Amino acid sequence: NYQWLFILMSLCGNIEQTIVQAYHLVLKDIAGKNNLSDINVDDLAVNQGS
């Protein structure tokens, strides 16, 4: 059985940080020991908040 996870997160910062400085998004996971334990990231979106 596969289990899909949905995660929604916010990056906090002021408007000057958003425009001047870049963010680095690092996605990490630990895969299992065989070829049936791959990980995948789909549909990553970065949107300007309010």
PDB file of N, CA and C in Angstrom:
ATOM      1  N   ASN A   1       0.831  -1.197   0.000  1.00  0.00           N
ATOM      2  CA  ASN A   1       0.000   0.000   0.000  1.00  0.00           C
ATOM      3  C   ASN A   1       0.865   1.245   0.000  1.00  0.00           C
ATOM      4  N   TYR A   2       0.472   2.204  -0.825  1.00  0.00           N
ATOM      5  CA  TYR A   2       1.155   3.486  -0.854  1.00  0.00           C
ATOM      6  C   TYR A   2       0.349   4.489  -0.051  1.00  0.00           C
ATOM      7  N   GLN A   3       1.040   5.379   0.621  1.00  0.00           N
ATOM      8  CA  GLN A   3       0.369   6.427   1.376  1.00  0.00           C
ATOM      9  C   GLN A   3       0.844   7.776   0.832  1.00  0.00           C
ATOM     10  N   TRP A   4      -0.081   8.582   0.320  1.00  0.00           N
ATOM     11  CA  TRP A   4       0.248   9.898  -0.198  1.00  0.00           C
ATOM     12  C   TRP A   4       0.095  10.912   0.916  1.00  0.00           C
ATOM     13  N   LEU A   5       1.048  11.811   1.028  1.00  0.00           N
ATOM     14  CA  LEU A   5       1.019  12.842   2.049  1.00  0.00           C
ATOM     15  C   LEU A   5       0.888  14.206   1.385  1.00  0.00           C
ATOM     16  N   PHE A   6       0.025  15.049   1.929  1.00  0.00           N
ATOM     17  CA  PHE A   6      -0.136  16.424   1.459  1.00  0.00           C
ATOM     18  C   PHE A   6       0.382  17.342   2.548  1.00  0.00           C
ATOM     19  N   ILE A   7       1.272  18.243   2.183  1.00  0.00           N
ATOM     20  CA  ILE A   7       1.838  19.169   3.162  1.00  0.00           C
ATOM     21  C   ILE A   7       1.710  20.588   2.617  1.00  0.00           C
ATOM     22  N   LEU A   8       1.207  21.491   3.446  1.00  0.00           N
ATOM     23  CA  LEU A   8       1.108  22.910   3.120  1.00  0.00           C
ATOM     24  C   LEU A   8       1.911  23.661   4.166  1.00  0.00           C
ATOM     25  N   MET A   9       2.863  24.477   3.729  1.00  0.00           N
ATOM     26  CA  MET A   9       3.686  25.195   4.699  1.00  0.00           C
ATOM     27  C   MET A   9       3.899  26.627   4.246  1.00  0.00           C
ATOM     28  N   SER A  10       4.217  27.491   5.194  1.00  0.00           N
ATOM     29  CA  SER A  10       4.459  28.906   4.908  1.00  0.00           C
ATOM     30  C   SER A  10       5.899  29.258   5.237  1.00  0.00           C
ATOM     31  N   LEU A  11       6.482  30.125   4.412  1.00  0.00           N
ATOM     32  CA  LEU A  11       7.792  30.695   4.701  1.00  0.00           C
ATOM     33  C   LEU A  11       7.561  32.109   5.196  1.00  0.00           C
ATOM     34  N   CYS A  12       8.043  32.426   6.385  1.00  0.00           N
ATOM     35  CA  CYS A  12       7.813  33.745   6.964  1.00  0.00           C
ATOM     36  C   CYS A  12       8.930  34.698   6.563  1.00  0.00           C
ATOM     37  N   GLY A  13       8.574  35.928   6.341  1.00  0.00           N
ATOM     38  CA  GLY A  13       9.557  36.950   6.015  1.00  0.00           C
ATOM     39  C   GLY A  13       8.860  38.230   5.618  1.00  0.00           C
ATOM     40  N   ASN A  14       9.604  39.321   5.624  1.00  0.00           N
ATOM     41  CA  ASN A  14       9.003  40.586   5.215  1.00  0.00           C
ATOM     42  C   ASN A  14       9.183  40.775   3.716  1.00  0.00           C
ATOM     43  N   ILE A  15       8.599  41.821   3.168  1.00  0.00           N
ATOM     44  CA  ILE A  15       8.602  42.026   1.715  1.00  0.00           C
ATOM     45  C   ILE A  15      10.016  42.240   1.184  1.00  0.00           C
ATOM     46  N   GLU A  16      10.900  42.874   1.972  1.00  0.00           N
ATOM     47  CA  GLU A  16      12.269  43.089   1.517  1.00  0.00           C
ATOM     48  C   GLU A  16      13.014  41.767   1.366  1.00  0.00           C
ATOM     49  N   GLN A  17      12.811  40.844   2.285  1.00  0.00           N
ATOM     50  CA  GLN A  17      13.441  39.527   2.175  1.00  0.00           C
ATOM     51  C   GLN A  17      12.957  38.798   0.932  1.00  0.00           C
ATOM     52  N   THR A  18      11.673  38.874   0.678  1.00  0.00           N
ATOM     53  CA  THR A  18      11.099  38.150  -0.452  1.00  0.00           C
ATOM     54  C   THR A  18      11.670  38.651  -1.771  1.00  0.00           C
ATOM     55  N   ILE A  19      11.848  39.952  -1.908  1.00  0.00           N
ATOM     56  CA  ILE A  19      12.312  40.516  -3.172  1.00  0.00           C
ATOM     57  C   ILE A  19      13.832  40.411  -3.315  1.00  0.00           C
ATOM     58  N   VAL A  20      14.581  40.706  -2.260  1.00  0.00           N
ATOM     59  CA  VAL A  20      16.033  40.821  -2.349  1.00  0.00           C
ATOM     60  C   VAL A  20      16.736  39.481  -2.166  1.00  0.00           C
ATOM     61  N   GLN A  21      16.288  38.673  -1.232  1.00  0.00           N
ATOM     62  CA  GLN A  21      17.011  37.453  -0.895  1.00  0.00           C
ATOM     63  C   GLN A  21      16.286  36.225  -1.426  1.00  0.00           C
ATOM     64  N   ALA A  22      17.061  35.291  -1.928  1.00  0.00           N
ATOM     65  CA  ALA A  22      16.482  34.037  -2.431  1.00  0.00           C
ATOM     66  C   ALA A  22      16.295  33.049  -1.285  1.00  0.00           C
ATOM     67  N   TYR A  23      15.283  32.217  -1.430  1.00  0.00           N
ATOM     68  CA  TYR A  23      15.076  31.114  -0.498  1.00  0.00           C
ATOM     69  C   TYR A  23      15.658  29.849  -1.106  1.00  0.00           C
ATOM     70  N   HIS A  24      16.160  28.983  -0.267  1.00  0.00           N
ATOM     71  CA  HIS A  24      16.585  27.656  -0.700  1.00  0.00           C
ATOM     72  C   HIS A  24      15.641  26.652  -0.053  1.00  0.00           C
ATOM     73  N   LEU A  25      14.934  25.906  -0.854  1.00  0.00           N
ATOM     74  CA  LEU A  25      14.052  24.865  -0.340  1.00  0.00           C
ATOM     75  C   LEU A  25      14.795  23.541  -0.415  1.00  0.00           C
ATOM     76  N   VAL A  26      14.956  22.891   0.716  1.00  0.00           N
ATOM     77  CA  VAL A  26      15.646  21.608   0.779  1.00  0.00           C
ATOM     78  C   VAL A  26      14.633  20.572   1.237  1.00  0.00           C
ATOM     79  N   LEU A  27      14.380  19.594   0.396  1.00  0.00           N
ATOM     80  CA  LEU A  27      13.448  18.519   0.714  1.00  0.00           C
ATOM     81  C   LEU A  27      14.259  17.264   0.989  1.00  0.00           C
ATOM     82  N   LYS A  28      14.079  16.693   2.166  1.00  0.00           N
ATOM     83  CA  LYS A  28      14.838  15.508   2.543  1.00  0.00           C
ATOM     84  C   LYS A  28      13.890  14.408   2.985  1.00  0.00           C
ATOM     85  N   ASP A  29      14.274  13.202   2.720  1.00  0.00           N
ATOM     86  CA  ASP A  29      13.542  12.035   3.187  1.00  0.00           C
ATOM     87  C   ASP A  29      14.527  10.880   3.275  1.00  0.00           C
ATOM     88  N   ILE A  30      14.160   9.864   3.979  1.00  0.00           N
ATOM     89  CA  ILE A  30      14.992   8.671   4.091  1.00  0.00           C
ATOM     90  C   ILE A  30      14.273   7.537   3.385  1.00  0.00           C
ATOM     91  N   ALA A  31      14.887   7.025   2.335  1.00  0.00           N
ATOM     92  CA  ALA A  31      14.310   5.902   1.595  1.00  0.00           C
ATOM     93  C   ALA A  31      14.737   4.595   2.256  1.00  0.00           C
ATOM     94  N   GLY A  32      13.973   3.554   1.987  1.00  0.00           N
ATOM     95  CA  GLY A  32      14.296   2.241   2.537  1.00  0.00           C
ATOM     96  C   GLY A  32      15.480   1.599   1.842  1.00  0.00           C
ATOM     97  N   LYS A  33      15.675   0.324   2.096  1.00  0.00           N
ATOM     98  CA  LYS A  33      16.873  -0.363   1.627  1.00  0.00           C
ATOM     99  C   LYS A  33      16.709  -1.077   0.293  1.00  0.00           C
ATOM    100  N   ASN A  34      15.500  -1.125  -0.269  1.00  0.00           N
ATOM    101  CA  ASN A  34      15.344  -1.837  -1.542  1.00  0.00           C
ATOM    102  C   ASN A  34      14.761  -0.906  -2.604  1.00  0.00           C
ATOM    103  N   ASN A  35      14.592  -1.421  -3.817  1.00  0.00           N
ATOM    104  CA  ASN A  35      14.133  -0.588  -4.927  1.00  0.00           C
ATOM    105  C   ASN A  35      12.643  -0.269  -4.876  1.00  0.00           C
ATOM    106  N   LEU A  36      11.913  -0.786  -3.910  1.00  0.00           N
ATOM    107  CA  LEU A  36      10.488  -0.481  -3.763  1.00  0.00           C
ATOM    108  C   LEU A  36      10.247   0.646  -2.766  1.00  0.00           C
ATOM    109  N   SER A  37      11.294   1.294  -2.326  1.00  0.00           N
ATOM    110  CA  SER A  37      11.154   2.320  -1.290  1.00  0.00           C
ATOM    111  C   SER A  37      11.592   3.698  -1.785  1.00  0.00           C
ATOM    112  N   ASP A  38      11.347   3.982  -3.054  1.00  0.00           N
ATOM    113  CA  ASP A  38      11.695   5.286  -3.612  1.00  0.00           C
ATOM    114  C   ASP A  38      10.792   6.376  -3.048  1.00  0.00           C
ATOM    115  N   ILE A  39      11.254   7.596  -3.156  1.00  0.00           N
ATOM    116  CA  ILE A  39      10.440   8.751  -2.781  1.00  0.00           C
ATOM    117  C   ILE A  39      10.219   9.600  -4.026  1.00  0.00           C
ATOM    118  N   ASN A  40       9.191  10.437  -3.990  1.00  0.00           N
ATOM    119  CA  ASN A  40       8.863  11.271  -5.131  1.00  0.00           C
ATOM    120  C   ASN A  40       8.217  12.558  -4.633  1.00  0.00           C
ATOM    121  N   VAL A  41       8.516  13.662  -5.294  1.00  0.00           N
ATOM    122  CA  VAL A  41       7.890  14.945  -4.983  1.00  0.00           C
ATOM    123  C   VAL A  41       7.183  15.413  -6.242  1.00  0.00           C
ATOM    124  N   ASP A  42       5.883  15.630  -6.150  1.00  0.00           N
ATOM    125  CA  ASP A  42       5.075  16.079  -7.282  1.00  0.00           C
ATOM    126  C   ASP A  42       4.421  17.415  -6.950  1.00  0.00           C
ATOM    127  N   ASP A  43       4.192  18.194  -7.974  1.00  0.00           N
ATOM    128  CA  ASP A  43       3.358  19.402  -7.886  1.00  0.00           C
ATOM    129  C   ASP A  43       3.812  20.361  -6.788  1.00  0.00           C
ATOM    130  N   LEU A  44       5.046  20.767  -6.850  1.00  0.00           N
ATOM    131  CA  LEU A  44       5.580  21.752  -5.918  1.00  0.00           C
ATOM    132  C   LEU A  44       5.256  23.142  -6.457  1.00  0.00           C
ATOM    133  N   ALA A  45       4.636  23.986  -5.637  1.00  0.00           N
ATOM    134  CA  ALA A  45       4.272  25.340  -6.059  1.00  0.00           C
ATOM    135  C   ALA A  45       4.745  26.341  -5.015  1.00  0.00           C
ATOM    136  N   VAL A  46       5.234  27.472  -5.485  1.00  0.00           N
ATOM    137  CA  VAL A  46       5.627  28.568  -4.600  1.00  0.00           C
ATOM    138  C   VAL A  46       4.790  29.776  -4.999  1.00  0.00           C
ATOM    139  N   ASN A  47       3.994  30.274  -4.062  1.00  0.00           N
ATOM    140  CA  ASN A  47       3.076  31.382  -4.328  1.00  0.00           C
ATOM    141  C   ASN A  47       3.366  32.536  -3.390  1.00  0.00           C
ATOM    142  N   GLN A  48       3.154  33.751  -3.871  1.00  0.00           N
ATOM    143  CA  GLN A  48       3.297  34.927  -3.025  1.00  0.00           C
ATOM    144  C   GLN A  48       2.108  35.000  -2.082  1.00  0.00           C
ATOM    145  N   GLY A  49       2.385  35.139  -0.807  1.00  0.00           N
ATOM    146  CA  GLY A  49       1.321  35.203   0.185  1.00  0.00           C
ATOM    147  C   GLY A  49       0.862  36.627   0.425  1.00  0.00           C
ATOM    148  N   SER A  50       0.018  36.778   1.435  1.00  0.00           N
ATOM    149  CA  SER A  50      -0.476  38.114   1.760  1.00  0.00           C
ATOM    150  C   SER A  50      -0.033  38.510   3.146  1.00  0.00           C
TER     151      SER A  50
END
